[in-house]
Amino acid sequence: MTLIASNVNLTDILGVLVDAVIAFDQDQRILYFNQGAEQLFGYRAPEVVERNLDMLIPPRFVAVHREHFRAFLHASEASRPMSKRRPIYGLTKSGREFPAEAAIAKIQQGEDALLDQ
């Protein structure tokens, strides 16, 4: 069977990836949280969708993350590895911190920017 690109549902593909995929808007409100993200962070998607990305970042890193995010949002580059400048950490539902590797990318939808991490 051959898949035709127009028949492929990207959400279905991202949903089954082992890697965490989190999409959020320019206000850092989580819009999408795949199965890999659920496994990594310990939350189910309904617990995080519509909430702020800050909940997945250790509190001591939130301010610097916001600063780097704002700079990226206004930069001309479409994507970048997030650990390029310094190590990054995530925060699980249980409160455990873990070192993470992540990249961020902009996807423009009309006037809005959708970001993927």
C-alpha atoms as a PDB file:
ATOM      1  CA  MET A   1       0.000   0.000   0.000  1.00  0.00           C
ATOM      2  CA  THR A   2       1.303   3.444  -0.897  1.00  0.00           C
ATOM      3  CA  LEU A   3       0.473   6.457   1.244  1.00  0.00           C
ATOM      4  CA  ILE A   4      -0.444   9.596  -0.598  1.00  0.00           C
ATOM      5  CA  ALA A   5       0.759  12.747   1.186  1.00  0.00           C
ATOM      6  CA  SER A   6      -2.670  14.378   1.090  1.00  0.00           C
ATOM      7  CA  ASN A   7      -4.170  11.359   2.889  1.00  0.00           C
ATOM      8  CA  VAL A   8      -1.626  11.353   5.734  1.00  0.00           C
ATOM      9  CA  ASN A   9      -2.874  12.810   8.998  1.00  0.00           C
ATOM     10  CA  LEU A  10       0.097  14.500  10.643  1.00  0.00           C
ATOM     11  CA  THR A  11      -1.579  14.392  14.051  1.00  0.00           C
ATOM     12  CA  ASP A  12      -1.809  10.601  13.819  1.00  0.00           C
ATOM     13  CA  ILE A  13       1.885  10.353  12.948  1.00  0.00           C
ATOM     14  CA  LEU A  14       3.011  12.695  15.737  1.00  0.00           C
ATOM     15  CA  GLY A  15       0.732  10.950  18.205  1.00  0.00           C
ATOM     16  CA  VAL A  16       2.572   7.639  18.019  1.00  0.00           C
ATOM     17  CA  LEU A  17       6.135   8.965  18.061  1.00  0.00           C
ATOM     18  CA  VAL A  18       8.257   7.801  20.973  1.00  0.00           C
ATOM     19  CA  ASP A  19       9.835  11.266  21.153  1.00  0.00           C
ATOM     20  CA  ALA A  20       7.917  13.957  22.981  1.00  0.00           C
ATOM     21  CA  VAL A  21       6.191  16.471  20.704  1.00  0.00           C
ATOM     22  CA  ILE A  22       4.610  19.523  22.285  1.00  0.00           C
ATOM     23  CA  ALA A  23       3.021  22.277  20.205  1.00  0.00           C
ATOM     24  CA  PHE A  24       2.202  25.620  21.766  1.00  0.00           C
ATOM     25  CA  ASP A  25       1.251  29.106  20.681  1.00  0.00           C
ATOM     26  CA  GLN A  26       3.125  32.397  21.006  1.00  0.00           C
ATOM     27  CA  ASP A  27       1.724  32.779  24.544  1.00  0.00           C
ATOM     28  CA  GLN A  28       3.256  29.377  25.396  1.00  0.00           C
ATOM     29  CA  ARG A  29      -0.188  27.827  25.854  1.00  0.00           C
ATOM     30  CA  ILE A  30       0.087  24.100  25.119  1.00  0.00           C
ATOM     31  CA  LEU A  31      -2.011  23.072  22.111  1.00  0.00           C
ATOM     32  CA  TYR A  32      -0.772  19.532  21.486  1.00  0.00           C
ATOM     33  CA  PHE A  33       0.919  16.921  23.707  1.00  0.00           C
ATOM     34  CA  ASN A  34       1.664  13.555  22.127  1.00  0.00           C
ATOM     35  CA  GLN A  35       2.019  10.071  23.613  1.00  0.00           C
ATOM     36  CA  GLY A  36       5.802  10.470  23.887  1.00  0.00           C
ATOM     37  CA  ALA A  37       5.325  13.646  25.931  1.00  0.00           C
ATOM     38  CA  GLU A  38       2.836  11.840  28.154  1.00  0.00           C
ATOM     39  CA  GLN A  39       5.396   9.111  28.858  1.00  0.00           C
ATOM     40  CA  LEU A  40       8.217  11.567  29.498  1.00  0.00           C
ATOM     41  CA  PHE A  41       6.395  14.098  31.669  1.00  0.00           C
ATOM     42  CA  GLY A  42       3.843  11.820  33.359  1.00  0.00           C
ATOM     43  CA  TYR A  43       0.823  13.925  32.408  1.00  0.00           C
ATOM     44  CA  ARG A  44      -2.051  12.879  30.154  1.00  0.00           C
ATOM     45  CA  ALA A  45      -2.708  15.330  27.323  1.00  0.00           C
ATOM     46  CA  PRO A  46      -5.998  16.652  28.790  1.00  0.00           C
ATOM     47  CA  GLU A  47      -4.104  17.688  31.938  1.00  0.00           C
ATOM     48  CA  VAL A  48      -1.779  20.034  30.040  1.00  0.00           C
ATOM     49  CA  VAL A  49      -3.569  21.213  26.894  1.00  0.00           C
ATOM     50  CA  GLU A  50      -4.562  24.889  27.239  1.00  0.00           C
ATOM     51  CA  ARG A  51      -2.146  25.308  30.167  1.00  0.00           C
ATOM     52  CA  ASN A  52       1.143  27.212  30.082  1.00  0.00           C
ATOM     53  CA  LEU A  53       4.378  25.505  29.078  1.00  0.00           C
ATOM     54  CA  ASP A  54       5.925  26.776  32.340  1.00  0.00           C
ATOM     55  CA  MET A  55       4.398  23.766  34.123  1.00  0.00           C
ATOM     56  CA  LEU A  56       6.913  21.512  32.334  1.00  0.00           C
ATOM     57  CA  ILE A  57       9.967  23.587  33.281  1.00  0.00           C
ATOM     58  CA  PRO A  58      11.682  23.657  36.699  1.00  0.00           C
ATOM     59  CA  PRO A  59      10.720  26.968  38.372  1.00  0.00           C
ATOM     60  CA  ARG A  60      14.308  28.231  38.569  1.00  0.00           C
ATOM     61  CA  PHE A  61      14.541  28.098  34.745  1.00  0.00           C
ATOM     62  CA  VAL A  62      11.166  29.644  33.846  1.00  0.00           C
ATOM     63  CA  ALA A  63      12.338  33.280  33.628  1.00  0.00           C
ATOM     64  CA  VAL A  64      15.356  32.517  31.452  1.00  0.00           C
ATOM     65  CA  HIS A  65      13.242  30.203  29.271  1.00  0.00           C
ATOM     66  CA  ARG A  66      10.710  32.996  28.697  1.00  0.00           C
ATOM     67  CA  GLU A  67      13.510  35.390  27.759  1.00  0.00           C
ATOM     68  CA  HIS A  68      15.026  32.965  25.234  1.00  0.00           C
ATOM     69  CA  PHE A  69      11.570  32.144  23.889  1.00  0.00           C
ATOM     70  CA  ARG A  70      10.749  35.833  23.260  1.00  0.00           C
ATOM     71  CA  ALA A  71      14.058  36.285  21.465  1.00  0.00           C
ATOM     72  CA  PHE A  72      13.408  33.227  19.288  1.00  0.00           C
ATOM     73  CA  LEU A  73       9.868  34.344  18.503  1.00  0.00           C
ATOM     74  CA  HIS A  74      11.210  37.592  17.007  1.00  0.00           C
ATOM     75  CA  ALA A  75      14.279  36.057  15.340  1.00  0.00           C
ATOM     76  CA  SER A  76      14.400  35.298  11.629  1.00  0.00           C
ATOM     77  CA  GLU A  77      15.427  31.665  12.102  1.00  0.00           C
ATOM     78  CA  ALA A  78      12.667  29.062  11.796  1.00  0.00           C
ATOM     79  CA  SER A  79      14.167  26.478  14.155  1.00  0.00           C
ATOM     80  CA  ARG A  80      17.017  25.896  16.573  1.00  0.00           C
ATOM     81  CA  PRO A  81      18.250  23.319  19.047  1.00  0.00           C
ATOM     82  CA  MET A  82      17.352  24.601  22.495  1.00  0.00           C
ATOM     83  CA  SER A  83      20.393  23.174  24.256  1.00  0.00           C
ATOM     84  CA  LYS A  84      22.695  25.167  21.938  1.00  0.00           C
ATOM     85  CA  ARG A  85      23.299  27.798  24.621  1.00  0.00           C
ATOM     86  CA  ARG A  86      23.072  25.750  27.845  1.00  0.00           C
ATOM     87  CA  PRO A  87      21.657  22.479  29.151  1.00  0.00           C
ATOM     88  CA  ILE A  88      17.890  22.424  29.540  1.00  0.00           C
ATOM     89  CA  TYR A  89      15.713  20.574  32.024  1.00  0.00           C
ATOM     90  CA  GLY A  90      12.151  19.334  32.134  1.00  0.00           C
ATOM     91  CA  LEU A  91       9.862  18.816  35.109  1.00  0.00           C
ATOM     92  CA  THR A  92       7.644  15.754  35.479  1.00  0.00           C
ATOM     93  CA  LYS A  93       4.218  15.633  37.089  1.00  0.00           C
ATOM     94  CA  SER A  94       5.826  14.072  40.174  1.00  0.00           C
ATOM     95  CA  GLY A  95       8.250  17.008  40.457  1.00  0.00           C
ATOM     96  CA  ARG A  96      11.320  15.145  39.213  1.00  0.00           C
ATOM     97  CA  GLU A  97      13.707  17.216  37.077  1.00  0.00           C
ATOM     98  CA  PHE A  98      15.477  15.634  34.134  1.00  0.00           C
ATOM     99  CA  PRO A  99      18.020  16.822  31.556  1.00  0.00           C
ATOM    100  CA  ALA A 100      16.393  17.160  28.144  1.00  0.00           C
ATOM    101  CA  GLU A 101      17.325  17.558  24.530  1.00  0.00           C
ATOM    102  CA  ALA A 102      14.914  19.705  22.578  1.00  0.00           C
ATOM    103  CA  ALA A 103      14.512  21.787  19.473  1.00  0.00           C
ATOM    104  CA  ILE A 104      12.009  24.498  18.770  1.00  0.00           C
ATOM    105  CA  ALA A 105      10.432  25.379  15.427  1.00  0.00           C
ATOM    106  CA  LYS A 106       8.015  28.057  14.235  1.00  0.00           C
ATOM    107  CA  ILE A 107       5.058  27.203  12.062  1.00  0.00           C
ATOM    108  CA  GLN A 108       3.155  30.224  10.813  1.00  0.00           C
ATOM    109  CA  GLN A 109      -0.635  29.904  10.539  1.00  0.00           C
ATOM    110  CA  GLY A 110      -1.991  33.173   9.236  1.00  0.00           C
ATOM    111  CA  GLU A 111      -1.279  35.824  11.837  1.00  0.00           C
ATOM    112  CA  ASP A 112      -0.460  33.283  14.543  1.00  0.00           C
ATOM    113  CA  ALA A 113       2.757  31.418  15.182  1.00  0.00           C
ATOM    114  CA  LEU A 114       2.493  27.814  16.276  1.00  0.00           C
ATOM    115  CA  LEU A 115       5.610  26.525  17.954  1.00  0.00           C
ATOM    116  CA  ASP A 116       6.769  22.979  18.350  1.00  0.00           C
ATOM    117  CA  GLN A 117       9.221  21.680  20.888  1.00  0.00           C
END
